[in-house]
Amino acid sequence: MDDQPDRRSELLARREARRRELRRRRRLAAIAIALGCAALVAAAAVLLDSVASDDSHSSPSGSLLPHGGKKEPGHAEEPVRNATPQPDWAPHQGPVPIVEYHEIGPAPADAPYPELYVTRPDFHRQMDWLERHGFEAVTLEQVERAWYGDGTLPPKPVVISFDDGYRPQFTYALPELRRHGWAGVLNLKAEGSDLYTSNVEAMIDAGWELSSHTIDHSDLTTLDAAALRREVAGSRQILRREYGVPVRDFCYPAGRYDETVIAAVEAAGYTAATSEVPGYAERDEPYELARLEILGSTGLDGLAATLTAG
């Protein structure tokens, strides 16, 4: 079992090399057709050598679609307002609500878990309600700096978290939160995400926090020691290598954890971990942080009732 990660890494590296070569050939053929000139094709091949070097930034885990490290046009990259502390923020060590979203959009007819889909109009109304009632979104890392250090938070902080890495979290949630000047938390699977590398980079550039959600969303309570270490510590290594950010926090898949899992999360160097225990997150339980799951049936009234009750 100990050499399994090495064999897997070698296999994934070979797959990534083949994908880069296929992309290179396709691009070369496209340039040849467009230019219609054999001499210019040779020049294009030289140019593609530099493009291929960009492809080396693609995830070695195969977790992301092949946009490599290139940015998609049309998305601003400057950090949002709340990516840094604001003048009216103050020390805060009390409870903080963490809301939890999955898919943003309508549920397909064959969706196995349709309740995990929150429509875009509902999400838009919920974000507007939060701002009207004085809430301001921050990252979990900012909350931890206030809880355990000398950091500050807005008068009514809230953490808006998104699990797994679905495409609408970039195409819709990112601009929606940007409209309010807020950052979110992306709990990303290291493999199997719908997001491009450039999507995740744009979210990080906007001030979002990147948090680990394991490699393949396994039930951690069912794994042996080696597999548990791979999912917990290995996912952090992949994300840190891919995006060059600390990855301080962890999110238990489906909220499944026990004392063995918590010990593995601590050993991997994470500062905190979020669960699906309902309620406000408390500083005294950093590895069992409660969250408020927002479902398709929650609606605006449900969100309001949940937060005002807290």
Protein backbone atom coordinates (compact mmCIF):
# COMPACT_ATOMS: atom_id res chain seq x y z
CA MET A 1 0.00 0.00 0.00
CA ASP A 2 2.90 2.42 0.75
CA ASP A 3 4.07 2.58 -2.86
CA GLN A 4 0.58 3.04 -4.28
CA PRO A 5 0.75 6.87 -4.28
CA ASP A 6 4.07 6.72 -6.16
CA ARG A 7 2.65 4.40 -8.82
CA ARG A 8 -0.44 6.58 -9.11
CA SER A 9 1.67 9.74 -9.44
CA GLU A 10 3.78 8.12 -12.16
CA LEU A 11 0.67 7.01 -14.06
CA LEU A 12 -0.96 10.42 -13.78
CA ALA A 13 2.26 12.10 -14.92
CA ARG A 14 2.34 9.91 -18.02
CA ARG A 15 -1.30 10.68 -18.76
CA GLU A 16 -0.67 14.39 -18.41
CA ALA A 17 2.33 14.17 -20.76
CA ARG A 18 0.19 12.43 -23.36
CA ARG A 19 -2.54 15.06 -23.01
CA ARG A 20 -0.01 17.86 -23.51
CA GLU A 21 1.35 16.18 -26.64
CA LEU A 22 -2.16 15.74 -28.07
CA ARG A 23 -2.98 19.39 -27.39
CA ARG A 24 0.28 20.39 -29.05
CA ARG A 25 -0.48 18.40 -32.19
CA ARG A 26 -4.02 19.75 -32.45
CA ARG A 27 -2.83 23.32 -32.13
CA LEU A 28 -0.09 22.77 -34.71
CA ALA A 29 -2.60 21.33 -37.18
CA ALA A 30 -4.97 24.26 -36.63
CA ILE A 31 -2.21 26.76 -37.30
CA ALA A 32 -1.14 24.87 -40.44
CA ILE A 33 -4.66 25.06 -41.83
CA ALA A 34 -5.08 28.71 -40.97
CA LEU A 35 -1.77 29.80 -42.45
CA GLY A 36 -1.84 27.47 -45.43
CA CYS A 37 1.90 27.63 -45.69
CA ALA A 38 4.43 24.94 -44.81
CA ALA A 39 7.14 27.43 -43.97
CA LEU A 40 4.93 29.23 -41.48
CA VAL A 41 3.97 25.91 -39.91
CA ALA A 42 7.58 25.46 -38.86
CA ALA A 43 7.53 28.87 -37.20
CA ALA A 44 4.26 28.03 -35.52
CA ALA A 45 5.82 24.89 -34.05
CA VAL A 46 8.43 27.05 -32.32
CA LEU A 47 5.68 29.23 -30.91
CA LEU A 48 3.84 26.18 -29.66
CA ASP A 49 6.89 25.14 -27.67
CA SER A 50 6.34 28.17 -25.46
CA VAL A 51 2.57 27.51 -25.30
CA ALA A 52 3.24 23.94 -24.24
CA SER A 53 5.28 25.21 -21.33
CA ASP A 54 2.10 26.91 -20.09
CA ASP A 55 0.37 23.53 -20.21
CA SER A 56 2.81 22.25 -17.61
CA HIS A 57 0.78 24.31 -15.14
CA SER A 58 -2.21 21.99 -15.61
CA SER A 59 -3.08 19.79 -12.67
CA PRO A 60 -0.96 16.60 -12.56
CA SER A 61 -3.83 14.95 -10.75
CA GLY A 62 -6.16 15.17 -13.74
CA SER A 63 -8.62 17.01 -11.53
CA LEU A 64 -9.28 19.95 -13.83
CA LEU A 65 -10.27 20.40 -17.44
CA PRO A 66 -7.43 21.26 -19.83
CA HIS A 67 -7.22 25.01 -19.78
CA GLY A 68 -3.81 24.76 -18.16
CA GLY A 69 -2.65 27.89 -16.40
CA LYS A 70 -4.16 30.32 -18.92
CA LYS A 71 -6.75 32.85 -17.87
CA GLU A 72 -10.18 33.04 -19.41
CA PRO A 73 -10.95 36.51 -20.80
CA GLY A 74 -13.63 38.76 -19.41
CA HIS A 75 -13.12 38.11 -15.71
CA ALA A 76 -11.53 40.77 -13.52
CA GLU A 77 -8.80 39.47 -11.28
CA GLU A 78 -8.34 42.24 -8.73
CA PRO A 79 -9.27 41.27 -5.17
CA VAL A 80 -12.72 42.15 -3.88
CA ARG A 81 -13.12 44.72 -1.10
CA ASN A 82 -13.43 42.21 1.74
CA ALA A 83 -10.30 40.34 0.69
CA THR A 84 -8.57 42.67 3.15
CA PRO A 85 -9.75 44.07 6.51
CA GLN A 86 -11.82 47.25 6.29
CA PRO A 87 -11.73 50.33 8.58
CA ASP A 88 -14.96 49.44 10.41
CA TRP A 89 -13.86 45.89 11.28
CA ALA A 90 -13.12 45.02 14.90
CA PRO A 91 -11.77 42.11 17.00
CA HIS A 92 -14.25 39.20 17.12
CA GLN A 93 -14.11 35.91 19.00
CA GLY A 94 -17.78 34.99 18.99
CA PRO A 95 -19.67 32.48 16.81
CA VAL A 96 -19.73 32.98 13.04
CA PRO A 97 -22.26 31.50 10.60
CA ILE A 98 -20.84 29.46 7.72
CA VAL A 99 -23.37 28.83 4.96
CA GLU A 100 -22.87 25.87 2.64
CA TYR A 101 -23.77 25.68 -1.06
CA HIS A 102 -23.24 23.04 -3.72
CA GLU A 103 -24.72 23.51 -7.21
CA ILE A 104 -26.04 26.92 -8.28
CA GLY A 105 -28.70 26.43 -10.93
CA PRO A 106 -31.77 24.30 -11.72
CA ALA A 107 -31.64 20.62 -10.86
CA PRO A 108 -31.66 18.31 -13.92
CA ALA A 109 -34.49 15.80 -14.10
CA ASP A 110 -32.06 12.94 -13.39
CA ALA A 111 -30.13 14.65 -10.58
CA PRO A 112 -29.49 12.08 -7.81
CA TYR A 113 -29.59 14.80 -5.14
CA PRO A 114 -31.85 17.57 -6.46
CA GLU A 115 -31.96 19.31 -3.08
CA LEU A 116 -28.29 20.27 -3.50
CA TYR A 117 -29.27 22.63 -6.34
CA VAL A 118 -30.10 26.23 -5.42
CA THR A 119 -31.54 28.22 -8.31
CA ARG A 120 -29.73 31.32 -9.46
CA PRO A 121 -32.65 33.65 -8.64
CA ASP A 122 -32.75 32.19 -5.11
CA PHE A 123 -29.01 32.60 -4.69
CA HIS A 124 -29.21 36.19 -5.95
CA ARG A 125 -32.02 37.02 -3.51
CA GLN A 126 -30.20 35.35 -0.63
CA MET A 127 -27.01 37.35 -1.22
CA ASP A 128 -29.01 40.58 -1.46
CA TRP A 129 -30.84 39.71 1.78
CA LEU A 130 -27.53 39.16 3.57
CA GLU A 131 -26.25 42.58 2.55
CA ARG A 132 -29.52 44.35 3.39
CA HIS A 133 -29.37 42.88 6.89
CA GLY A 134 -25.80 43.94 7.53
CA PHE A 135 -23.96 40.68 6.86
CA GLU A 136 -20.58 40.78 5.12
CA ALA A 137 -18.86 37.71 3.73
CA VAL A 138 -15.29 36.87 4.70
CA THR A 139 -13.07 33.81 4.40
CA LEU A 140 -12.65 31.17 7.06
CA GLU A 141 -8.98 32.11 7.24
CA GLN A 142 -9.97 35.66 8.20
CA VAL A 143 -12.27 34.28 10.89
CA GLU A 144 -9.43 32.19 12.30
CA ARG A 145 -7.11 35.19 12.40
CA ALA A 146 -9.70 37.03 14.48
CA TRP A 147 -10.42 34.02 16.71
CA TYR A 148 -6.83 33.05 17.42
CA GLY A 149 -4.80 36.16 16.62
CA ASP A 150 -5.13 39.89 16.21
CA GLY A 151 -7.32 39.86 13.11
CA THR A 152 -10.57 41.78 12.72
CA LEU A 153 -13.98 41.06 11.20
CA PRO A 154 -16.99 43.09 10.06
CA PRO A 155 -19.81 43.69 12.56
CA LYS A 156 -21.86 40.77 11.16
CA PRO A 157 -19.49 38.31 9.50
CA VAL A 158 -20.62 35.33 7.45
CA VAL A 159 -18.59 32.73 5.56
CA ILE A 160 -20.07 31.60 2.24
CA SER A 161 -18.67 28.19 1.32
CA PHE A 162 -19.04 26.13 -1.86
CA ASP A 163 -18.32 22.39 -1.94
CA ASP A 164 -16.78 20.15 -4.61
CA GLY A 165 -16.00 22.60 -7.43
CA TYR A 166 -18.99 22.91 -9.75
CA ARG A 167 -18.75 25.11 -12.81
CA PRO A 168 -21.50 27.61 -11.79
CA GLN A 169 -19.53 28.42 -8.66
CA PHE A 170 -17.18 30.24 -11.03
CA THR A 171 -19.56 31.41 -13.74
CA TYR A 172 -22.31 32.65 -11.40
CA ALA A 173 -21.31 32.68 -7.71
CA LEU A 174 -18.01 34.48 -8.28
CA PRO A 175 -19.52 37.51 -10.08
CA GLU A 176 -22.49 37.53 -7.69
CA LEU A 177 -20.23 37.75 -4.64
CA ARG A 178 -17.98 40.22 -6.44
CA ARG A 179 -21.03 42.47 -6.86
CA HIS A 180 -21.17 42.72 -3.07
CA GLY A 181 -17.41 43.04 -2.61
CA TRP A 182 -17.22 39.63 -0.93
CA ALA A 183 -14.92 36.63 -1.02
CA GLY A 184 -16.05 33.02 -0.71
CA VAL A 185 -14.49 29.72 0.32
CA LEU A 186 -14.04 27.02 -2.32
CA ASN A 187 -13.89 23.51 -0.81
CA LEU A 188 -12.31 21.81 -3.81
CA LYS A 189 -11.87 18.16 -4.64
CA ALA A 190 -8.31 17.69 -5.88
CA GLU A 191 -9.61 15.38 -8.62
CA GLY A 192 -12.87 15.28 -10.54
CA SER A 193 -13.77 18.96 -10.31
CA ASP A 194 -15.78 20.69 -13.05
CA LEU A 195 -13.56 23.76 -12.76
CA TYR A 196 -10.69 24.74 -15.03
CA THR A 197 -7.36 25.60 -13.45
CA SER A 198 -7.85 29.17 -14.66
CA ASN A 199 -11.28 29.29 -12.97
CA VAL A 200 -9.82 28.41 -9.59
CA GLU A 201 -6.96 30.86 -10.09
CA ALA A 202 -9.44 33.64 -10.87
CA MET A 203 -11.36 32.87 -7.68
CA ILE A 204 -8.16 32.93 -5.62
CA ASP A 205 -7.10 36.18 -7.30
CA ALA A 206 -10.44 37.71 -6.30
CA GLY A 207 -9.72 36.93 -2.65
CA TRP A 208 -11.41 33.55 -2.26
CA GLU A 209 -9.93 30.96 0.06
CA LEU A 210 -9.05 27.53 -1.33
CA SER A 211 -9.82 24.69 1.07
CA SER A 212 -9.33 20.94 0.63
CA HIS A 213 -12.28 18.59 0.19
CA THR A 214 -10.14 15.43 -0.22
CA ILE A 215 -9.01 14.00 -3.56
CA ASP A 216 -12.12 12.11 -4.66
CA HIS A 217 -14.78 12.83 -2.01
CA SER A 218 -14.36 9.52 -0.17
CA ASP A 219 -16.12 8.67 3.07
CA LEU A 220 -13.10 9.14 5.30
CA THR A 221 -14.51 7.03 8.12
CA THR A 222 -14.26 3.89 5.92
CA LEU A 223 -10.59 4.20 4.90
CA ASP A 224 -7.47 2.49 6.21
CA ALA A 225 -4.58 4.59 7.48
CA ALA A 226 -2.73 4.87 4.16
CA ALA A 227 -5.83 5.79 2.15
CA LEU A 228 -6.91 8.27 4.81
CA ARG A 229 -3.49 9.94 4.72
CA ARG A 230 -3.65 10.14 0.93
CA GLU A 231 -7.10 11.76 0.92
CA VAL A 232 -6.34 14.24 3.69
CA ALA A 233 -2.65 15.09 3.44
CA GLY A 234 -2.34 14.19 -0.26
CA SER A 235 -5.15 16.50 -1.34
CA ARG A 236 -3.49 19.40 0.45
CA GLN A 237 -0.18 18.68 -1.26
CA ILE A 238 -1.83 18.62 -4.69
CA LEU A 239 -3.70 21.89 -4.19
CA ARG A 240 -0.71 23.69 -2.69
CA ARG A 241 1.51 22.56 -5.55
CA GLU A 242 -1.07 23.48 -8.19
CA TYR A 243 -2.09 26.92 -6.89
CA GLY A 244 0.73 28.08 -4.63
CA VAL A 245 -1.55 28.93 -1.69
CA PRO A 246 -1.38 27.61 1.91
CA VAL A 247 -4.65 25.54 1.95
CA ARG A 248 -5.14 25.94 5.70
CA ASP A 249 -8.62 24.45 6.07
CA PHE A 250 -10.37 21.17 5.34
CA CYS A 251 -13.96 20.15 4.63
CA TYR A 252 -15.25 16.66 5.49
CA PRO A 253 -17.02 15.04 2.50
CA ALA A 254 -20.71 14.60 3.32
CA GLY A 255 -19.84 15.72 6.85
CA ARG A 256 -18.48 12.23 7.67
CA TYR A 257 -15.72 12.14 10.29
CA ASP A 258 -14.67 10.55 13.57
CA GLU A 259 -11.78 10.88 16.01
CA THR A 260 -9.39 9.05 13.67
CA VAL A 261 -10.27 11.38 10.81
CA ILE A 262 -9.86 14.47 13.00
CA ALA A 263 -6.42 13.22 14.06
CA ALA A 264 -5.44 12.80 10.40
CA VAL A 265 -6.64 16.33 9.59
CA GLU A 266 -4.58 17.77 12.45
CA ALA A 267 -1.53 15.72 11.46
CA ALA A 268 -1.76 17.02 7.89
CA GLY A 269 -1.31 20.57 9.17
CA TYR A 270 -4.79 21.98 8.69
CA THR A 271 -5.87 24.77 11.01
CA ALA A 272 -9.59 23.88 11.03
CA ALA A 273 -12.23 21.71 9.38
CA THR A 274 -15.87 22.29 8.51
CA SER A 275 -18.61 19.74 9.03
CA GLU A 276 -22.31 19.49 8.32
CA VAL A 277 -23.32 19.80 11.94
CA PRO A 278 -25.99 22.54 11.85
CA GLY A 279 -25.38 25.74 13.72
CA TYR A 280 -22.90 28.61 14.04
CA ALA A 281 -19.18 27.83 14.02
CA GLU A 282 -17.45 28.20 17.41
CA ARG A 283 -13.77 28.97 18.03
CA ASP A 284 -13.53 26.21 20.68
CA GLU A 285 -14.19 23.46 18.12
CA PRO A 286 -11.84 24.21 15.22
CA TYR A 287 -12.00 20.70 13.71
CA GLU A 288 -15.78 20.36 14.01
CA LEU A 289 -16.96 23.71 12.71
CA ALA A 290 -20.72 23.77 12.22
CA ARG A 291 -22.28 24.99 8.97
CA LEU A 292 -25.72 25.98 7.74
CA GLU A 293 -26.51 23.95 4.63
CA ILE A 294 -28.58 25.85 2.05
CA LEU A 295 -30.75 23.54 -0.06
CA GLY A 296 -33.10 24.03 -2.96
CA SER A 297 -36.05 24.04 -0.58
CA THR A 298 -34.46 26.53 1.83
CA GLY A 299 -35.42 29.64 -0.13
CA LEU A 300 -35.07 33.18 1.11
CA ASP A 301 -37.36 32.67 4.09
CA GLY A 302 -35.41 29.63 5.22
CA LEU A 303 -32.10 31.46 5.01
CA ALA A 304 -33.52 34.40 6.93
CA ALA A 305 -35.00 32.19 9.64
CA THR A 306 -31.74 30.23 9.99
CA LEU A 307 -29.55 33.29 10.39
CA THR A 308 -31.87 35.35 12.59
CA ALA A 309 -32.31 32.34 14.90
CA GLY A 310 -28.55 32.19 15.32
